[in-house]
Amino acid sequence: MKVVRSSLCPLRYHQPPHSAATPMPIKFACEHCGQRLNVSSKQAGLRAKCPKCKGKIKVPEADASDEQTEKVDEHEASGQETGQSEVENPYAEFVVYDDDVEWHYESDDDDYAPRLSTATDLDRVAVPRRILYAQGILLAVVAIVSFGLGMLVTGGRATKEVVNAAPVPCVLSGAVVYATGGGRTLPDDGSVVIVLPTEQRPAPTGKAPVEGLRPGDPLPREDSDNLRIIQSIGGAYARADNEGRYQVTLPDAGRYFVLIVSKNKYRAANEELDKADIAQLGRYVQPPTELLGESRYKWQEVTVRTNESIDFTF
């Protein structure tokens, strides 16, 4: 399709003296919408599209258009009488033809000029819909396969972790002895063994009282408050038997503080308590210094993974 633009000045047909060699413009109205149209007489008989309604029209012959020309002139005259400008109607500016014909303009207003092509956004790429569908299906297949492989690789490990997440009761046992003169050791029967979890503590107002927990106290009852508090946080309490052996059952593996308070060995008169030990022990029992009294003690942190045996010597 060929486009012929007018010059900066509006195109007007000036009628020279009539002669056979001078082509005259053909003025006619669209048979569908009545839009007035103007085209060169060279296009007589050709098919075209009305620029307003897009209907198929045929350019009439010059002789056949005389009657239509008079009607169009009358319409133009009535439009000028009412003050209507030609520029107000953009569809009066051009005619689009199916074949290789001209487009005629009567104004230089670019807003109403036909476009030869649509502007293309170079930042975008046109992709057929079937390609998009194929890519979506491929991504879904890859995701499903990846998920299946991940389950195969990590399934056993995840199951093992779930099993390990369940509490595993452990038994901590051993012997408590003390040294005598001559390099001999004797069982420290009646010594106190308290095991406390490092990550669990009672409430500040719910610490275990020391009465009944000291080596010289009678054994506390199973339903006593101090034992209940120690057991509620995952701890355990025991005393060494006549052979100095002890055994406690812990609800789960983990890290624990182990306190051993001797019944038969005492601290020297100038031996002071370790302030850090007192501070840590004070998070579980109250008051911690009364639990230790004058006895020698051991306070240490241990990791219990399964049944463990730990011996202590004073």
Protein backbone atom coordinates (compact mmCIF):
# COMPACT_ATOMS: atom_id res chain seq x y z
CA MET A 1 0.00 0.00 0.00
CA LYS A 2 1.46 3.39 -1.00
CA VAL A 3 1.12 6.62 0.97
CA VAL A 4 1.38 10.06 -0.58
CA ARG A 5 1.54 12.87 1.94
CA SER A 6 0.55 16.39 1.13
CA SER A 7 2.81 19.38 1.64
CA LEU A 8 2.62 21.59 4.73
CA CYS A 9 -0.17 23.54 3.14
CA PRO A 10 -3.57 21.91 2.86
CA LEU A 11 -4.20 20.28 -0.48
CA ARG A 12 -6.78 22.07 -2.57
CA TYR A 13 -7.88 21.33 -6.07
CA HIS A 14 -7.95 24.47 -8.23
CA GLN A 15 -10.10 24.12 -11.24
CA PRO A 16 -8.43 25.56 -14.30
CA PRO A 17 -10.48 26.30 -17.35
CA HIS A 18 -12.25 23.18 -18.34
CA SER A 19 -10.38 21.03 -20.80
CA ALA A 20 -10.37 17.39 -21.64
CA ALA A 21 -6.77 16.97 -20.51
CA THR A 22 -7.31 18.26 -16.97
CA PRO A 23 -8.42 15.51 -14.52
CA MET A 24 -11.16 16.63 -12.17
CA PRO A 25 -11.62 15.34 -8.61
CA ILE A 26 -14.54 13.07 -7.91
CA LYS A 27 -16.67 13.97 -4.94
CA PHE A 28 -19.17 11.45 -3.65
CA ALA A 29 -20.74 10.17 -0.45
CA CYS A 30 -20.27 6.75 1.17
CA GLU A 31 -23.26 4.56 0.40
CA HIS A 32 -23.13 3.05 3.90
CA CYS A 33 -22.63 5.98 6.28
CA GLY A 34 -22.99 9.04 4.06
CA GLN A 35 -19.45 10.28 4.73
CA ARG A 36 -18.34 12.79 2.08
CA LEU A 37 -15.29 11.67 0.17
CA ASN A 38 -12.94 13.27 -2.36
CA VAL A 39 -10.69 11.35 -4.76
CA SER A 40 -8.88 11.89 -8.03
CA SER A 41 -10.77 11.05 -11.18
CA LYS A 42 -7.95 8.65 -12.08
CA GLN A 43 -9.35 6.32 -9.39
CA ALA A 44 -12.76 6.10 -10.99
CA GLY A 45 -14.16 2.58 -10.92
CA LEU A 46 -11.76 1.25 -8.24
CA ARG A 47 -12.83 -0.40 -4.99
CA ALA A 48 -12.01 1.28 -1.69
CA LYS A 49 -12.78 1.28 2.04
CA CYS A 50 -14.62 4.10 3.69
CA PRO A 51 -12.24 5.60 6.31
CA LYS A 52 -15.15 6.12 8.68
CA CYS A 53 -17.26 2.96 8.60
CA LYS A 54 -14.71 0.70 6.84
CA GLY A 55 -17.44 -0.38 4.45
CA LYS A 56 -16.63 -1.53 0.92
CA ILE A 57 -17.35 1.18 -1.63
CA LYS A 58 -16.69 1.75 -5.29
CA VAL A 59 -15.43 5.04 -6.68
CA PRO A 60 -18.07 6.14 -9.19
CA GLU A 61 -17.30 7.27 -12.69
CA ALA A 62 -16.88 10.99 -13.20
CA ASP A 63 -20.20 11.33 -15.02
CA ALA A 64 -22.06 9.23 -12.45
CA SER A 65 -20.65 11.31 -9.62
CA ASP A 66 -22.02 14.66 -10.83
CA GLU A 67 -25.24 14.17 -8.93
CA GLN A 68 -23.39 13.08 -5.80
CA THR A 69 -21.01 16.03 -6.22
CA GLU A 70 -23.90 18.46 -6.14
CA LYS A 71 -25.20 16.81 -2.96
CA VAL A 72 -21.75 16.97 -1.37
CA ASP A 73 -21.36 20.64 -2.36
CA GLU A 74 -24.73 21.40 -0.84
CA HIS A 75 -23.68 19.56 2.33
CA GLU A 76 -20.41 21.55 2.46
CA ALA A 77 -22.28 24.79 1.97
CA SER A 78 -24.68 23.97 4.78
CA GLY A 79 -21.72 23.06 6.98
CA GLN A 80 -20.06 26.41 6.29
CA GLU A 81 -23.29 28.24 7.07
CA THR A 82 -23.47 26.57 10.48
CA GLY A 83 -19.83 27.39 11.21
CA GLN A 84 -18.61 23.77 11.02
CA SER A 85 -14.96 23.45 10.05
CA GLU A 86 -13.69 20.74 7.74
CA VAL A 87 -10.95 19.88 10.19
CA GLU A 88 -13.53 18.93 12.79
CA ASN A 89 -14.28 15.74 10.89
CA PRO A 90 -11.06 13.71 10.51
CA TYR A 91 -12.68 11.19 8.20
CA ALA A 92 -12.88 13.81 5.43
CA GLU A 93 -9.13 13.81 5.06
CA PHE A 94 -8.38 10.56 3.22
CA VAL A 95 -9.68 7.49 1.47
CA VAL A 96 -8.02 4.04 1.86
CA TYR A 97 -8.03 1.76 -1.19
CA ASP A 98 -7.60 -1.99 -1.46
CA ASP A 99 -5.31 -1.79 -4.47
CA ASP A 100 -2.22 0.26 -5.05
CA VAL A 101 -3.93 3.64 -5.07
CA GLU A 102 -3.25 6.98 -3.48
CA TRP A 103 -4.44 8.40 -0.19
CA HIS A 104 -5.56 11.98 -0.62
CA TYR A 105 -5.27 14.47 2.23
CA GLU A 106 -6.98 17.76 2.62
CA SER A 107 -5.22 18.76 5.89
CA ASP A 108 -1.75 18.39 7.35
CA ASP A 109 -2.89 17.25 10.79
CA ASP A 110 -0.76 14.23 11.77
CA ASP A 111 -3.30 13.12 14.35
CA TYR A 112 -5.56 11.83 11.59
CA ALA A 113 -2.89 10.52 9.24
CA PRO A 114 -3.05 6.77 8.59
CA ARG A 115 -0.27 4.64 9.97
CA LEU A 116 1.64 2.36 7.63
CA SER A 117 2.70 0.06 10.48
CA THR A 118 2.28 -0.39 14.19
CA ALA A 119 5.16 0.66 16.44
CA THR A 120 7.12 -2.36 17.61
CA ASP A 121 8.48 -2.65 21.15
CA LEU A 122 11.99 -4.01 20.69
CA ASP A 123 12.19 -4.96 24.38
CA ARG A 124 9.52 -7.61 23.96
CA VAL A 125 9.61 -10.92 22.14
CA ALA A 126 6.56 -12.58 20.67
CA VAL A 127 6.34 -16.27 21.59
CA PRO A 128 3.70 -18.68 20.30
CA ARG A 129 1.24 -19.86 22.87
CA ARG A 130 2.13 -23.52 22.30
CA ILE A 131 5.75 -22.74 23.24
CA LEU A 132 4.59 -21.21 26.54
CA TYR A 133 2.47 -24.28 27.27
CA ALA A 134 5.36 -26.59 26.48
CA GLN A 135 7.68 -24.65 28.78
CA GLY A 136 5.13 -24.76 31.60
CA ILE A 137 4.72 -28.53 31.26
CA LEU A 138 8.50 -28.99 31.19
CA LEU A 139 8.95 -26.94 34.37
CA ALA A 140 6.24 -28.97 36.10
CA VAL A 141 7.92 -32.25 35.12
CA VAL A 142 11.30 -31.00 36.36
CA ALA A 143 9.78 -29.91 39.67
CA ILE A 144 8.09 -33.28 40.21
CA VAL A 145 11.24 -35.22 39.36
CA SER A 146 13.36 -33.02 41.64
CA PHE A 147 10.90 -33.48 44.49
CA GLY A 148 10.96 -37.26 44.03
CA LEU A 149 14.76 -37.38 43.99
CA GLY A 150 14.89 -35.21 47.09
CA MET A 151 12.56 -37.55 48.92
CA LEU A 152 14.67 -40.54 47.92
CA VAL A 153 17.90 -38.89 49.05
CA THR A 154 16.71 -37.33 52.30
CA GLY A 155 13.84 -39.67 53.17
CA GLY A 156 15.93 -42.01 55.33
CA ARG A 157 17.72 -39.14 57.01
CA ALA A 158 14.48 -37.34 57.76
CA THR A 159 13.00 -40.51 59.23
CA LYS A 160 16.05 -40.97 61.41
CA GLU A 161 15.81 -37.39 62.64
CA VAL A 162 12.17 -37.86 63.51
CA VAL A 163 13.01 -41.01 65.46
CA ASN A 164 15.85 -39.24 67.24
CA ALA A 165 13.53 -36.38 68.11
CA ALA A 166 11.67 -38.68 70.49
CA PRO A 167 13.00 -38.73 74.06
CA VAL A 168 15.62 -41.40 74.68
CA PRO A 169 15.90 -42.29 78.39
CA CYS A 170 19.48 -42.75 79.53
CA VAL A 171 21.01 -44.27 82.66
CA LEU A 172 23.88 -42.47 84.35
CA SER A 173 25.76 -44.59 86.87
CA GLY A 174 29.14 -44.89 88.55
CA ALA A 175 30.96 -44.92 91.87
CA VAL A 176 31.87 -42.23 94.39
CA VAL A 177 34.94 -42.87 96.55
CA TYR A 178 37.25 -40.81 98.72
CA ALA A 179 40.96 -41.20 99.38
CA THR A 180 42.42 -41.98 102.82
CA GLY A 181 45.94 -42.01 104.12
CA GLY A 182 48.27 -44.59 102.65
CA GLY A 183 46.72 -44.33 99.11
CA ARG A 184 43.62 -46.25 99.97
CA THR A 185 40.11 -45.36 98.74
CA LEU A 186 36.85 -46.05 100.46
CA PRO A 187 33.27 -45.93 99.21
CA ASP A 188 31.69 -42.53 99.87
CA ASP A 189 28.39 -44.05 100.93
CA GLY A 190 25.56 -41.56 101.50
CA SER A 191 27.06 -38.94 99.16
CA VAL A 192 24.51 -36.91 97.19
CA VAL A 193 24.22 -37.13 93.39
CA ILE A 194 22.05 -34.51 91.64
CA VAL A 195 21.83 -34.30 87.84
CA LEU A 196 20.32 -31.10 86.37
CA PRO A 197 19.69 -30.24 82.66
CA THR A 198 21.65 -27.23 81.42
CA GLU A 199 18.78 -25.89 79.26
CA GLN A 200 15.93 -26.29 81.74
CA ARG A 201 15.48 -24.41 85.00
CA PRO A 202 12.63 -23.98 87.44
CA ALA A 203 10.86 -20.68 87.85
CA PRO A 204 12.69 -18.16 90.08
CA THR A 205 10.00 -18.61 92.74
CA GLY A 206 9.87 -22.40 92.29
CA LYS A 207 13.42 -23.49 93.12
CA ALA A 208 13.86 -26.71 95.02
CA PRO A 209 14.38 -26.29 98.79
CA VAL A 210 17.55 -27.95 100.10
CA GLU A 211 15.92 -29.61 103.11
CA GLY A 212 16.10 -33.36 102.58
CA LEU A 213 18.68 -33.04 99.77
CA ARG A 214 21.82 -32.66 101.95
CA PRO A 215 24.05 -35.66 102.72
CA GLY A 216 23.18 -35.63 106.42
CA ASP A 217 19.40 -35.32 105.92
CA PRO A 218 17.04 -38.25 105.87
CA LEU A 219 16.14 -39.47 102.41
CA PRO A 220 13.35 -37.35 100.96
CA ARG A 221 10.03 -38.96 100.11
CA GLU A 222 9.30 -39.70 96.45
CA ASP A 223 6.45 -37.17 96.49
CA SER A 224 8.39 -34.39 98.24
CA ASP A 225 8.36 -30.92 96.69
CA ASN A 226 12.09 -30.74 96.13
CA LEU A 227 12.23 -34.03 94.21
CA ARG A 228 9.13 -33.09 92.23
CA ILE A 229 10.74 -29.80 91.15
CA ILE A 230 13.99 -31.50 90.12
CA GLN A 231 12.16 -34.19 88.15
CA SER A 232 9.81 -31.70 86.49
CA ILE A 233 12.72 -30.06 84.65
CA GLY A 234 14.24 -33.39 83.59
CA GLY A 235 16.69 -33.85 86.46
CA ALA A 236 17.33 -36.69 88.88
CA TYR A 237 18.42 -37.20 92.52
CA ALA A 238 20.16 -40.17 94.17
CA ARG A 239 22.49 -41.14 97.00
CA ALA A 240 25.41 -43.54 96.86
CA ASP A 241 24.84 -46.92 98.46
CA ASN A 242 27.13 -48.70 100.93
CA GLU A 243 29.54 -49.55 98.13
CA GLY A 244 29.57 -45.96 96.94
CA ARG A 245 27.66 -46.74 93.77
CA TYR A 246 24.88 -44.59 92.37
CA GLN A 247 22.44 -44.81 89.46
CA VAL A 248 19.95 -42.28 88.07
CA THR A 249 17.62 -42.46 85.06
CA LEU A 250 17.45 -39.35 82.85
CA PRO A 251 14.39 -38.72 80.62
CA ASP A 252 16.48 -37.86 77.55
CA ALA A 253 19.99 -37.51 76.21
CA GLY A 254 21.62 -34.08 76.35
CA ARG A 255 23.89 -31.85 78.38
CA TYR A 256 23.63 -31.90 82.17
CA PHE A 257 25.22 -30.48 85.26
CA VAL A 258 26.31 -33.18 87.71
CA LEU A 259 26.66 -32.27 91.40
CA ILE A 260 28.37 -34.71 93.80
CA VAL A 261 28.35 -33.72 97.48
CA SER A 262 30.57 -35.92 99.63
CA LYS A 263 29.39 -37.22 102.96
CA ASN A 264 32.79 -38.24 104.26
CA LYS A 265 35.15 -35.57 102.96
CA TYR A 266 35.09 -31.96 104.09
CA ARG A 267 36.64 -28.78 102.80
CA ALA A 268 39.59 -27.19 104.55
CA ALA A 269 38.86 -24.25 106.80
CA ASN A 270 40.41 -21.78 104.33
CA GLU A 271 38.86 -23.39 101.23
CA GLU A 272 36.19 -21.11 99.77
CA LEU A 273 33.29 -22.02 97.56
CA ASP A 274 33.61 -21.25 93.85
CA LYS A 275 31.37 -18.27 93.10
CA ALA A 276 30.59 -19.45 89.57
CA ASP A 277 29.49 -22.85 90.88
CA ILE A 278 27.27 -21.21 93.50
CA ALA A 279 25.69 -18.94 90.85
CA GLN A 280 24.85 -21.86 88.58
CA LEU A 281 23.61 -24.09 91.38
CA GLY A 282 21.52 -21.21 92.71
CA ARG A 283 19.38 -21.35 89.56
CA TYR A 284 18.00 -24.73 90.68
CA VAL A 285 18.01 -24.89 94.51
CA GLN A 286 17.65 -22.38 97.30
CA PRO A 287 19.87 -21.65 99.17
CA PRO A 288 22.80 -23.36 97.36
CA THR A 289 25.40 -22.76 100.09
CA GLU A 290 23.33 -24.73 102.62
CA LEU A 291 23.17 -27.68 100.25
CA LEU A 292 26.98 -27.82 100.11
CA GLY A 293 27.60 -26.98 103.77
CA GLU A 294 31.16 -27.89 104.78
CA SER A 295 31.40 -30.91 102.50
CA ARG A 296 33.62 -31.20 99.51
CA TYR A 297 31.79 -31.27 96.20
CA LYS A 298 32.22 -31.63 92.45
CA TRP A 299 30.23 -29.58 89.93
CA GLN A 300 30.80 -30.36 86.27
CA GLU A 301 29.00 -30.35 82.94
CA VAL A 302 28.71 -33.62 80.99
CA THR A 303 27.11 -34.75 77.74
CA VAL A 304 24.96 -37.84 77.99
CA ARG A 305 24.21 -39.52 74.64
CA THR A 306 23.35 -42.99 75.87
CA ASN A 307 23.90 -45.00 79.04
CA GLU A 308 26.99 -43.52 80.68
CA SER A 309 29.23 -44.49 83.62
CA ILE A 310 31.14 -41.76 85.48
CA ASP A 311 33.20 -42.27 88.62
CA PHE A 312 34.15 -39.54 91.12
CA THR A 313 36.98 -39.48 93.64
CA PHE A 314 37.46 -37.03 96.49
